[in-house]
Amino acid sequence: MLIRTPQNPGSLADKQDIQRDRLLRSTARLDVSSRRLDNSLRIGEDAENTGAGILRDLKEQTEQIKRTREQLDKSDTYLEKSMKTLKEMSRRYVRPLHIYRLQ
């Protein structure tokens, strides 16, 4: 930006030029600040969107873990029933063998 030094600092035209130059510099600084603010807002929105996506993913994963835990609990129940059944079958099988040996 061109900064002019007044030739006659007391004249009205020179004062207007000085004010115009100050206004132009202030406007330029304001433009730079506005662009920085817009960029910061965009970055903030991106971060917010990323965070929201992560939270959605975590919620889905939590639900998946809950479903998996429920399935494991069911499987554990079925395994316990199967073990009881197998033990009973084993007892029933072993008793006749013991009786046959005694005879």
PDB file of N, CA and C in Angstrom:
ATOM      1  N   MET A   1       0.844  -1.161   0.000  1.00  0.00           N
ATOM      2  CA  MET A   1       0.000   0.000   0.000  1.00  0.00           C
ATOM      3  C   MET A   1       0.891   1.225   0.000  1.00  0.00           C
ATOM      4  N   LEU A   2       0.510   2.175  -0.770  1.00  0.00           N
ATOM      5  CA  LEU A   2       1.268   3.409  -0.923  1.00  0.00           C
ATOM      6  C   LEU A   2       0.950   4.350   0.224  1.00  0.00           C
ATOM      7  N   ILE A   3       1.983   4.747   0.955  1.00  0.00           N
ATOM      8  CA  ILE A   3       1.795   5.718   2.035  1.00  0.00           C
ATOM      9  C   ILE A   3       2.433   7.017   1.579  1.00  0.00           C
ATOM     10  N   ARG A   4       1.583   8.001   1.551  1.00  0.00           N
ATOM     11  CA  ARG A   4       2.099   9.297   1.090  1.00  0.00           C
ATOM     12  C   ARG A   4       2.361  10.191   2.287  1.00  0.00           C
ATOM     13  N   THR A   5       3.368  10.986   2.153  1.00  0.00           N
ATOM     14  CA  THR A   5       3.628  12.003   3.186  1.00  0.00           C
ATOM     15  C   THR A   5       3.153  13.331   2.640  1.00  0.00           C
ATOM     16  N   PRO A   6       2.384  14.027   3.412  1.00  0.00           N
ATOM     17  CA  PRO A   6       1.828  15.282   2.917  1.00  0.00           C
ATOM     18  C   PRO A   6       2.923  16.318   2.693  1.00  0.00           C
ATOM     19  N   GLN A   7       2.701  17.101   1.662  1.00  0.00           N
ATOM     20  CA  GLN A   7       3.674  18.155   1.380  1.00  0.00           C
ATOM     21  C   GLN A   7       3.387  19.373   2.256  1.00  0.00           C
ATOM     22  N   ASN A   8       2.153  19.643   2.473  1.00  0.00           N
ATOM     23  CA  ASN A   8       1.770  20.732   3.360  1.00  0.00           C
ATOM     24  C   ASN A   8       0.825  20.145   4.397  1.00  0.00           C
ATOM     25  N   PRO A   9       1.356  19.739   5.551  1.00  0.00           N
ATOM     26  CA  PRO A   9       0.577  18.978   6.507  1.00  0.00           C
ATOM     27  C   PRO A   9      -0.667  19.705   7.002  1.00  0.00           C
ATOM     28  N   GLY A  10      -0.743  20.949   6.858  1.00  0.00           N
ATOM     29  CA  GLY A  10      -1.877  21.681   7.401  1.00  0.00           C
ATOM     30  C   GLY A  10      -3.034  21.828   6.436  1.00  0.00           C
ATOM     31  N   SER A  11      -2.867  21.507   5.159  1.00  0.00           N
ATOM     32  CA  SER A  11      -3.929  21.750   4.191  1.00  0.00           C
ATOM     33  C   SER A  11      -5.042  20.712   4.342  1.00  0.00           C
ATOM     34  N   LEU A  12      -6.232  21.066   3.952  1.00  0.00           N
ATOM     35  CA  LEU A  12      -7.404  20.199   4.040  1.00  0.00           C
ATOM     36  C   LEU A  12      -7.244  18.970   3.146  1.00  0.00           C
ATOM     37  N   ALA A  13      -6.706  19.140   1.957  1.00  0.00           N
ATOM     38  CA  ALA A  13      -6.516  18.015   1.034  1.00  0.00           C
ATOM     39  C   ALA A  13      -5.549  17.004   1.625  1.00  0.00           C
ATOM     40  N   ASP A  14      -4.499  17.499   2.260  1.00  0.00           N
ATOM     41  CA  ASP A  14      -3.527  16.584   2.867  1.00  0.00           C
ATOM     42  C   ASP A  14      -4.139  15.842   4.044  1.00  0.00           C
ATOM     43  N   LYS A  15      -4.947  16.525   4.828  1.00  0.00           N
ATOM     44  CA  LYS A  15      -5.620  15.864   5.952  1.00  0.00           C
ATOM     45  C   LYS A  15      -6.583  14.790   5.432  1.00  0.00           C
ATOM     46  N   GLN A  16      -7.244  15.093   4.353  1.00  0.00           N
ATOM     47  CA  GLN A  16      -8.154  14.110   3.761  1.00  0.00           C
ATOM     48  C   GLN A  16      -7.380  12.909   3.214  1.00  0.00           C
ATOM     49  N   ASP A  17      -6.231  13.192   2.620  1.00  0.00           N
ATOM     50  CA  ASP A  17      -5.384  12.103   2.116  1.00  0.00           C
ATOM     51  C   ASP A  17      -4.900  11.208   3.263  1.00  0.00           C
ATOM     52  N   ILE A  18      -4.517  11.836   4.346  1.00  0.00           N
ATOM     53  CA  ILE A  18      -4.060  11.076   5.514  1.00  0.00           C
ATOM     54  C   ILE A  18      -5.204  10.218   6.042  1.00  0.00           C
ATOM     55  N   GLN A  19      -6.386  10.810   6.155  1.00  0.00           N
ATOM     56  CA  GLN A  19      -7.546  10.064   6.635  1.00  0.00           C
ATOM     57  C   GLN A  19      -7.903   8.924   5.678  1.00  0.00           C
ATOM     58  N   ARG A  20      -7.810   9.184   4.387  1.00  0.00           N
ATOM     59  CA  ARG A  20      -8.093   8.157   3.388  1.00  0.00           C
ATOM     60  C   ARG A  20      -7.091   7.010   3.510  1.00  0.00           C
ATOM     61  N   ASP A  21      -5.815   7.359   3.678  1.00  0.00           N
ATOM     62  CA  ASP A  21      -4.790   6.324   3.826  1.00  0.00           C
ATOM     63  C   ASP A  21      -5.039   5.484   5.098  1.00  0.00           C
ATOM     64  N   ARG A  22      -5.385   6.157   6.179  1.00  0.00           N
ATOM     65  CA  ARG A  22      -5.688   5.436   7.420  1.00  0.00           C
ATOM     66  C   ARG A  22      -6.895   4.520   7.219  1.00  0.00           C
ATOM     67  N   LEU A  23      -7.891   5.055   6.537  1.00  0.00           N
ATOM     68  CA  LEU A  23      -9.099   4.271   6.280  1.00  0.00           C
ATOM     69  C   LEU A  23      -8.778   3.060   5.407  1.00  0.00           C
ATOM     70  N   LEU A  24      -7.962   3.242   4.393  1.00  0.00           N
ATOM     71  CA  LEU A  24      -7.576   2.129   3.522  1.00  0.00           C
ATOM     72  C   LEU A  24      -6.786   1.066   4.287  1.00  0.00           C
ATOM     73  N   ARG A  25      -5.860   1.509   5.146  1.00  0.00           N
ATOM     74  CA  ARG A  25      -5.089   0.561   5.947  1.00  0.00           C
ATOM     75  C   ARG A  25      -6.010  -0.184   6.919  1.00  0.00           C
ATOM     76  N   SER A  26      -6.917   0.548   7.529  1.00  0.00           N
ATOM     77  CA  SER A  26      -7.857  -0.085   8.461  1.00  0.00           C
ATOM     78  C   SER A  26      -8.756  -1.071   7.734  1.00  0.00           C
ATOM     79  N   THR A  27      -9.196  -0.701   6.551  1.00  0.00           N
ATOM     80  CA  THR A  27     -10.039  -1.593   5.757  1.00  0.00           C
ATOM     81  C   THR A  27      -9.265  -2.843   5.364  1.00  0.00           C
ATOM     82  N   ALA A  28      -8.019  -2.673   4.995  1.00  0.00           N
ATOM     83  CA  ALA A  28      -7.195  -3.825   4.623  1.00  0.00           C
ATOM     84  C   ALA A  28      -7.005  -4.758   5.830  1.00  0.00           C
ATOM     85  N   ARG A  29      -6.725  -4.165   7.009  1.00  0.00           N
ATOM     86  CA  ARG A  29      -6.585  -4.988   8.224  1.00  0.00           C
ATOM     87  C   ARG A  29      -7.895  -5.692   8.552  1.00  0.00           C
ATOM     88  N   LEU A  30      -8.999  -4.992   8.372  1.00  0.00           N
ATOM     89  CA  LEU A  30     -10.308  -5.585   8.625  1.00  0.00           C
ATOM     90  C   LEU A  30     -10.570  -6.739   7.664  1.00  0.00           C
ATOM     91  N   ASP A  31     -10.196  -6.588   6.409  1.00  0.00           N
ATOM     92  CA  ASP A  31     -10.357  -7.665   5.430  1.00  0.00           C
ATOM     93  C   ASP A  31      -9.532  -8.895   5.829  1.00  0.00           C
ATOM     94  N   VAL A  32      -8.291  -8.651   6.224  1.00  0.00           N
ATOM     95  CA  VAL A  32      -7.432  -9.761   6.654  1.00  0.00           C
ATOM     96  C   VAL A  32      -8.040 -10.445   7.875  1.00  0.00           C
ATOM     97  N   SER A  33      -8.484  -9.653   8.829  1.00  0.00           N
ATOM     98  CA  SER A  33      -9.099 -10.217  10.039  1.00  0.00           C
ATOM     99  C   SER A  33     -10.371 -10.982   9.695  1.00  0.00           C
ATOM    100  N   SER A  34     -11.159 -10.467   8.774  1.00  0.00           N
ATOM    101  CA  SER A  34     -12.392 -11.152   8.362  1.00  0.00           C
ATOM    102  C   SER A  34     -12.074 -12.494   7.709  1.00  0.00           C
ATOM    103  N   ARG A  35     -11.057 -12.523   6.856  1.00  0.00           N
ATOM    104  CA  ARG A  35     -10.667 -13.779   6.226  1.00  0.00           C
ATOM    105  C   ARG A  35     -10.178 -14.782   7.271  1.00  0.00           C
ATOM    106  N   ARG A  36      -9.411 -14.311   8.240  1.00  0.00           N
ATOM    107  CA  ARG A  36      -8.936 -15.197   9.300  1.00  0.00           C
ATOM    108  C   ARG A  36     -10.103 -15.735  10.115  1.00  0.00           C
ATOM    109  N   LEU A  37     -11.046 -14.859  10.417  1.00  0.00           N
ATOM    110  CA  LEU A  37     -12.219 -15.276  11.184  1.00  0.00           C
ATOM    111  C   LEU A  37     -13.044 -16.294  10.395  1.00  0.00           C
ATOM    112  N   ASP A  38     -13.238 -16.029   9.103  1.00  0.00           N
ATOM    113  CA  ASP A  38     -13.967 -16.986   8.261  1.00  0.00           C
ATOM    114  C   ASP A  38     -13.257 -18.341   8.226  1.00  0.00           C
ATOM    115  N   ASN A  39     -11.944 -18.296   8.120  1.00  0.00           N
ATOM    116  CA  ASN A  39     -11.165 -19.536   8.110  1.00  0.00           C
ATOM    117  C   ASN A  39     -11.291 -20.266   9.445  1.00  0.00           C
ATOM    118  N   SER A  40     -11.237 -19.525  10.536  1.00  0.00           N
ATOM    119  CA  SER A  40     -11.395 -20.125  11.862  1.00  0.00           C
ATOM    120  C   SER A  40     -12.775 -20.741  12.018  1.00  0.00           C
ATOM    121  N   LEU A  41     -13.797 -20.071  11.537  1.00  0.00           N
ATOM    122  CA  LEU A  41     -15.157 -20.606  11.596  1.00  0.00           C
ATOM    123  C   LEU A  41     -15.263 -21.900  10.779  1.00  0.00           C
ATOM    124  N   ARG A  42     -14.654 -21.908   9.605  1.00  0.00           N
ATOM    125  CA  ARG A  42     -14.680 -23.099   8.766  1.00  0.00           C
ATOM    126  C   ARG A  42     -13.977 -24.257   9.460  1.00  0.00           C
ATOM    127  N   ILE A  43     -12.841 -23.981  10.057  1.00  0.00           N
ATOM    128  CA  ILE A  43     -12.104 -25.015  10.785  1.00  0.00           C
ATOM    129  C   ILE A  43     -12.942 -25.522  11.962  1.00  0.00           C
ATOM    130  N   GLY A  44     -13.602 -24.596  12.664  1.00  0.00           N
ATOM    131  CA  GLY A  44     -14.461 -24.990  13.780  1.00  0.00           C
ATOM    132  C   GLY A  44     -15.617 -25.864  13.326  1.00  0.00           C
ATOM    133  N   GLU A  45     -16.228 -25.520  12.212  1.00  0.00           N
ATOM    134  CA  GLU A  45     -17.326 -26.327  11.669  1.00  0.00           C
ATOM    135  C   GLU A  45     -16.824 -27.706  11.255  1.00  0.00           C
ATOM    136  N   ASP A  46     -15.659 -27.752  10.631  1.00  0.00           N
ATOM    137  CA  ASP A  46     -15.079 -29.045  10.253  1.00  0.00           C
ATOM    138  C   ASP A  46     -14.817 -29.913  11.480  1.00  0.00           C
ATOM    139  N   ALA A  47     -14.272 -29.286  12.521  1.00  0.00           N
ATOM    140  CA  ALA A  47     -13.991 -30.028  13.757  1.00  0.00           C
ATOM    141  C   ALA A  47     -15.291 -30.525  14.392  1.00  0.00           C
ATOM    142  N   GLU A  48     -16.316 -29.680  14.364  1.00  0.00           N
ATOM    143  CA  GLU A  48     -17.610 -30.078  14.927  1.00  0.00           C
ATOM    144  C   GLU A  48     -18.204 -31.250  14.145  1.00  0.00           C
ATOM    145  N   ASN A  49     -18.127 -31.187  12.827  1.00  0.00           N
ATOM    146  CA  ASN A  49     -18.637 -32.285  11.995  1.00  0.00           C
ATOM    147  C   ASN A  49     -17.856 -33.570  12.235  1.00  0.00           C
ATOM    148  N   THR A  50     -16.549 -33.446  12.354  1.00  0.00           N
ATOM    149  CA  THR A  50     -15.719 -34.618  12.631  1.00  0.00           C
ATOM    150  C   THR A  50     -16.080 -35.213  13.986  1.00  0.00           C
ATOM    151  N   GLY A  51     -16.236 -34.349  14.989  1.00  0.00           N
ATOM    152  CA  GLY A  51     -16.616 -34.817  16.325  1.00  0.00           C
ATOM    153  C   GLY A  51     -17.971 -35.508  16.320  1.00  0.00           C
ATOM    154  N   ALA A  52     -18.934 -34.939  15.578  1.00  0.00           N
ATOM    155  CA  ALA A  52     -20.266 -35.547  15.496  1.00  0.00           C
ATOM    156  C   ALA A  52     -20.178 -36.922  14.832  1.00  0.00           C
ATOM    157  N   GLY A  53     -19.365 -37.035  13.814  1.00  0.00           N
ATOM    158  CA  GLY A  53     -19.172 -38.329  13.150  1.00  0.00           C
ATOM    159  C   GLY A  53     -18.559 -39.353  14.081  1.00  0.00           C
ATOM    160  N   ILE A  54     -17.583 -38.925  14.859  1.00  0.00           N
ATOM    161  CA  ILE A  54     -16.944 -39.828  15.816  1.00  0.00           C
ATOM    162  C   ILE A  54     -17.950 -40.288  16.859  1.00  0.00           C
ATOM    163  N   LEU A  55     -18.769 -39.358  17.344  1.00  0.00           N
ATOM    164  CA  LEU A  55     -19.785 -39.730  18.337  1.00  0.00           C
ATOM    165  C   LEU A  55     -20.794 -40.725  17.766  1.00  0.00           C
ATOM    166  N   ARG A  56     -21.185 -40.525  16.500  1.00  0.00           N
ATOM    167  CA  ARG A  56     -22.096 -41.488  15.860  1.00  0.00           C
ATOM    168  C   ARG A  56     -21.443 -42.867  15.785  1.00  0.00           C
ATOM    169  N   ASP A  57     -20.185 -42.893  15.371  1.00  0.00           N
ATOM    170  CA  ASP A  57     -19.463 -44.166  15.272  1.00  0.00           C
ATOM    171  C   ASP A  57     -19.361 -44.848  16.636  1.00  0.00           C
ATOM    172  N   LEU A  58     -19.073 -44.069  17.666  1.00  0.00           N
ATOM    173  CA  LEU A  58     -18.955 -44.635  19.001  1.00  0.00           C
ATOM    174  C   LEU A  58     -20.293 -45.183  19.487  1.00  0.00           C
ATOM    175  N   LYS A  59     -21.357 -44.495  19.173  1.00  0.00           N
ATOM    176  CA  LYS A  59     -22.688 -44.976  19.571  1.00  0.00           C
ATOM    177  C   LYS A  59     -22.992 -46.297  18.873  1.00  0.00           C
ATOM    178  N   GLU A  60     -22.698 -46.375  17.585  1.00  0.00           N
ATOM    179  CA  GLU A  60     -22.917 -47.622  16.843  1.00  0.00           C
ATOM    180  C   GLU A  60     -22.069 -48.749  17.420  1.00  0.00           C
ATOM    181  N   GLN A  61     -20.823 -48.450  17.754  1.00  0.00           N
ATOM    182  CA  GLN A  61     -19.946 -49.470  18.315  1.00  0.00           C
ATOM    183  C   GLN A  61     -20.435 -49.918  19.692  1.00  0.00           C
ATOM    184  N   THR A  62     -20.956 -48.983  20.471  1.00  0.00           N
ATOM    185  CA  THR A  62     -21.503 -49.332  21.780  1.00  0.00           C
ATOM    186  C   THR A  62     -22.683 -50.277  21.622  1.00  0.00           C
ATOM    187  N   GLU A  63     -23.564 -49.961  20.687  1.00  0.00           N
ATOM    188  CA  GLU A  63     -24.715 -50.832  20.433  1.00  0.00           C
ATOM    189  C   GLU A  63     -24.259 -52.214  19.957  1.00  0.00           C
ATOM    190  N   GLN A  64     -23.255 -52.243  19.110  1.00  0.00           N
ATOM    191  CA  GLN A  64     -22.735 -53.519  18.621  1.00  0.00           C
ATOM    192  C   GLN A  64     -22.143 -54.338  19.768  1.00  0.00           C
ATOM    193  N   ILE A  65     -21.426 -53.691  20.659  1.00  0.00           N
ATOM    194  CA  ILE A  65     -20.846 -54.380  21.813  1.00  0.00           C
ATOM    195  C   ILE A  65     -21.953 -54.932  22.707  1.00  0.00           C
ATOM    196  N   LYS A  66     -23.016 -54.143  22.908  1.00  0.00           N
ATOM    197  CA  LYS A  66     -24.147 -54.621  23.727  1.00  0.00           C
ATOM    198  C   LYS A  66     -24.792 -55.854  23.097  1.00  0.00           C
ATOM    199  N   ARG A  67     -25.009 -55.800  21.780  1.00  0.00           N
ATOM    200  CA  ARG A  67     -25.604 -56.959  21.095  1.00  0.00           C
ATOM    201  C   ARG A  67     -24.690 -58.182  21.201  1.00  0.00           C
ATOM    202  N   THR A  68     -23.415 -57.965  21.038  1.00  0.00           N
ATOM    203  CA  THR A  68     -22.449 -59.064  21.134  1.00  0.00           C
ATOM    204  C   THR A  68     -22.462 -59.663  22.540  1.00  0.00           C
ATOM    205  N   ARG A  69     -22.506 -58.799  23.544  1.00  0.00           N
ATOM    206  CA  ARG A  69     -22.542 -59.280  24.928  1.00  0.00           C
ATOM    207  C   ARG A  69     -23.801 -60.109  25.168  1.00  0.00           C
ATOM    208  N   GLU A  70     -24.938 -59.644  24.651  1.00  0.00           N
ATOM    209  CA  GLU A  70     -26.185 -60.405  24.795  1.00  0.00           C
ATOM    210  C   GLU A  70     -26.067 -61.772  24.125  1.00  0.00           C
ATOM    211  N   GLN A  71     -25.484 -61.797  22.935  1.00  0.00           N
ATOM    212  CA  GLN A  71     -25.297 -63.073  22.231  1.00  0.00           C
ATOM    213  C   GLN A  71     -24.375 -64.005  23.019  1.00  0.00           C
ATOM    214  N   LEU A  72     -23.321 -63.444  23.601  1.00  0.00           N
ATOM    215  CA  LEU A  72     -22.403 -64.256  24.401  1.00  0.00           C
ATOM    216  C   LEU A  72     -23.098 -64.802  25.645  1.00  0.00           C
ATOM    217  N   ASP A  73     -23.943 -63.991  26.264  1.00  0.00           N
ATOM    218  CA  ASP A  73     -24.696 -64.469  27.429  1.00  0.00           C
ATOM    219  C   ASP A  73     -25.613 -65.624  27.035  1.00  0.00           C
ATOM    220  N   LYS A  74     -26.293 -65.502  25.894  1.00  0.00           N
ATOM    221  CA  LYS A  74     -27.149 -66.582  25.412  1.00  0.00           C
ATOM    222  C   LYS A  74     -26.323 -67.838  25.136  1.00  0.00           C
ATOM    223  N   SER A  75     -25.182 -67.642  24.485  1.00  0.00           N
ATOM    224  CA  SER A  75     -24.306 -68.782  24.174  1.00  0.00           C
ATOM    225  C   SER A  75     -23.838 -69.457  25.451  1.00  0.00           C
ATOM    226  N   ASP A  76     -23.511 -68.655  26.455  1.00  0.00           N
ATOM    227  CA  ASP A  76     -23.066 -69.205  27.726  1.00  0.00           C
ATOM    228  C   ASP A  76     -24.179 -70.043  28.365  1.00  0.00           C
ATOM    229  N   THR A  77     -25.395 -69.559  28.299  1.00  0.00           N
ATOM    230  CA  THR A  77     -26.533 -70.309  28.828  1.00  0.00           C
ATOM    231  C   THR A  77     -26.693 -71.630  28.083  1.00  0.00           C
ATOM    232  N   TYR A  78     -26.611 -71.578  26.778  1.00  0.00           N
ATOM    233  CA  TYR A  78     -26.731 -72.808  25.977  1.00  0.00           C
ATOM    234  C   TYR A  78     -25.604 -73.782  26.293  1.00  0.00           C
ATOM    235  N   LEU A  79     -24.405 -73.267  26.486  1.00  0.00           N
ATOM    236  CA  LEU A  79     -23.272 -74.131  26.831  1.00  0.00           C
ATOM    237  C   LEU A  79     -23.482 -74.799  28.182  1.00  0.00           C
ATOM    238  N   GLU A  80     -23.987 -74.041  29.135  1.00  0.00           N
ATOM    239  CA  GLU A  80     -24.254 -74.626  30.450  1.00  0.00           C
ATOM    240  C   GLU A  80     -25.286 -75.753  30.350  1.00  0.00           C
ATOM    241  N   LYS A  81     -26.342 -75.518  29.585  1.00  0.00           N
ATOM    242  CA  LYS A  81     -27.356 -76.558  29.392  1.00  0.00           C
ATOM    243  C   LYS A  81     -26.751 -77.775  28.694  1.00  0.00           C
ATOM    244  N   SER A  82     -25.922 -77.525  27.717  1.00  0.00           N
ATOM    245  CA  SER A  82     -25.278 -78.629  26.991  1.00  0.00           C
ATOM    246  C   SER A  82     -24.369 -79.426  27.913  1.00  0.00           C
ATOM    247  N   MET A  83     -23.631 -78.740  28.757  1.00  0.00           N
ATOM    248  CA  MET A  83     -22.740 -79.435  29.699  1.00  0.00           C
ATOM    249  C   MET A  83     -23.552 -80.304  30.654  1.00  0.00           C
ATOM    250  N   LYS A  84     -24.660 -79.793  31.141  1.00  0.00           N
ATOM    251  CA  LYS A  84     -25.505 -80.587  32.038  1.00  0.00           C
ATOM    252  C   LYS A  84     -26.035 -81.827  31.323  1.00  0.00           C
ATOM    253  N   THR A  85     -26.460 -81.614  30.094  1.00  0.00           N
ATOM    254  CA  THR A  85     -26.971 -82.731  29.307  1.00  0.00           C
ATOM    255  C   THR A  85     -25.884 -83.775  29.081  1.00  0.00           C
ATOM    256  N   LEU A  86     -24.696 -83.338  28.727  1.00  0.00           N
ATOM    257  CA  LEU A  86     -23.588 -84.264  28.492  1.00  0.00           C
ATOM    258  C   LEU A  86     -23.201 -85.010  29.767  1.00  0.00           C
ATOM    259  N   LYS A  87     -23.213 -84.332  30.896  1.00  0.00           N
ATOM    260  CA  LYS A  87     -22.893 -85.005  32.161  1.00  0.00           C
ATOM    261  C   LYS A  87     -23.935 -86.065  32.468  1.00  0.00           C
ATOM    262  N   GLU A  88     -25.192 -85.725  32.258  1.00  0.00           N
ATOM    263  CA  GLU A  88     -26.265 -86.697  32.501  1.00  0.00           C
ATOM    264  C   GLU A  88     -26.141 -87.892  31.562  1.00  0.00           C
ATOM    265  N   MET A  89     -25.840 -87.610  30.315  1.00  0.00           N
ATOM    266  CA  MET A  89     -25.651 -88.706  29.361  1.00  0.00           C
ATOM    267  C   MET A  89     -24.481 -89.579  29.770  1.00  0.00           C
ATOM    268  N   SER A  90     -23.412 -88.942  30.242  1.00  0.00           N
ATOM    269  CA  SER A  90     -22.227 -89.687  30.671  1.00  0.00           C
ATOM    270  C   SER A  90     -22.567 -90.569  31.859  1.00  0.00           C
ATOM    271  N   ARG A  91     -23.322 -90.046  32.829  1.00  0.00           N
ATOM    272  CA  ARG A  91     -23.720 -90.847  33.991  1.00  0.00           C
ATOM    273  C   ARG A  91     -24.562 -92.041  33.568  1.00  0.00           C
ATOM    274  N   ARG A  92     -25.458 -91.804  32.647  1.00  0.00           N
ATOM    275  CA  ARG A  92     -26.327 -92.888  32.190  1.00  0.00           C
ATOM    276  C   ARG A  92     -25.530 -93.958  31.442  1.00  0.00           C
ATOM    277  N   TYR A  93     -24.508 -93.551  30.769  1.00  0.00           N
ATOM    278  CA  TYR A  93     -23.676 -94.492  30.018  1.00  0.00           C
ATOM    279  C   TYR A  93     -22.775 -95.288  30.954  1.00  0.00           C
ATOM    280  N   VAL A  94     -22.218 -94.616  31.948  1.00  0.00           N
ATOM    281  CA  VAL A  94     -21.266 -95.256  32.847  1.00  0.00           C
ATOM    282  C   VAL A  94     -21.970 -96.240  33.769  1.00  0.00           C
ATOM    283  N   ARG A  95     -23.159 -95.975  34.230  1.00  0.00           N
ATOM    284  CA  ARG A  95     -23.874 -96.879  35.133  1.00  0.00           C
ATOM    285  C   ARG A  95     -24.085 -98.268  34.535  1.00  0.00           C
ATOM    286  N   PRO A  96     -24.604 -98.348  33.323  1.00  0.00           N
ATOM    287  CA  PRO A  96     -24.760 -99.702  32.768  1.00  0.00           C
ATOM    288  C   PRO A  96     -23.436-100.441  32.635  1.00  0.00           C
ATOM    289  N   LEU A  97     -22.369 -99.766  32.318  1.00  0.00           N
ATOM    290  CA  LEU A  97     -21.067-100.434  32.221  1.00  0.00           C
ATOM    291  C   LEU A  97     -20.661-100.988  33.574  1.00  0.00           C
ATOM    292  N   HIS A  98     -20.905-100.247  34.599  1.00  0.00           N
ATOM    293  CA  HIS A  98     -20.556-100.680  35.946  1.00  0.00           C
ATOM    294  C   HIS A  98     -21.381-101.911  36.333  1.00  0.00           C
ATOM    295  N   ILE A  99     -22.623-101.919  35.975  1.00  0.00           N
ATOM    296  CA  ILE A  99     -23.495-103.048  36.273  1.00  0.00           C
ATOM    297  C   ILE A  99     -23.036-104.280  35.506  1.00  0.00           C
ATOM    298  N   TYR A 100     -22.663-104.108  34.244  1.00  0.00           N
ATOM    299  CA  TYR A 100     -22.196-105.247  33.437  1.00  0.00           C
ATOM    300  C   TYR A 100     -20.910-105.813  33.992  1.00  0.00           C
ATOM    301  N   ARG A 101     -20.083-105.000  34.543  1.00  0.00           N
ATOM    302  CA  ARG A 101     -18.812-105.488  35.092  1.00  0.00           C
ATOM    303  C   ARG A 101     -19.032-106.293  36.365  1.00  0.00           C
ATOM    304  N   LEU A 102     -20.029-105.929  37.118  1.00  0.00           N
ATOM    305  CA  LEU A 102     -20.310-106.635  38.358  1.00  0.00           C
ATOM    306  C   LEU A 102     -20.875-108.035  38.078  1.00  0.00           C
ATOM    307  N   GLN A 103     -21.469-108.224  36.995  1.00  0.00           N
ATOM    308  CA  GLN A 103     -22.093-109.521  36.708  1.00  0.00           C
ATOM    309  C   GLN A 103     -21.108-110.529  36.272  1.00  0.00           C
TER     310      GLN A 103
END
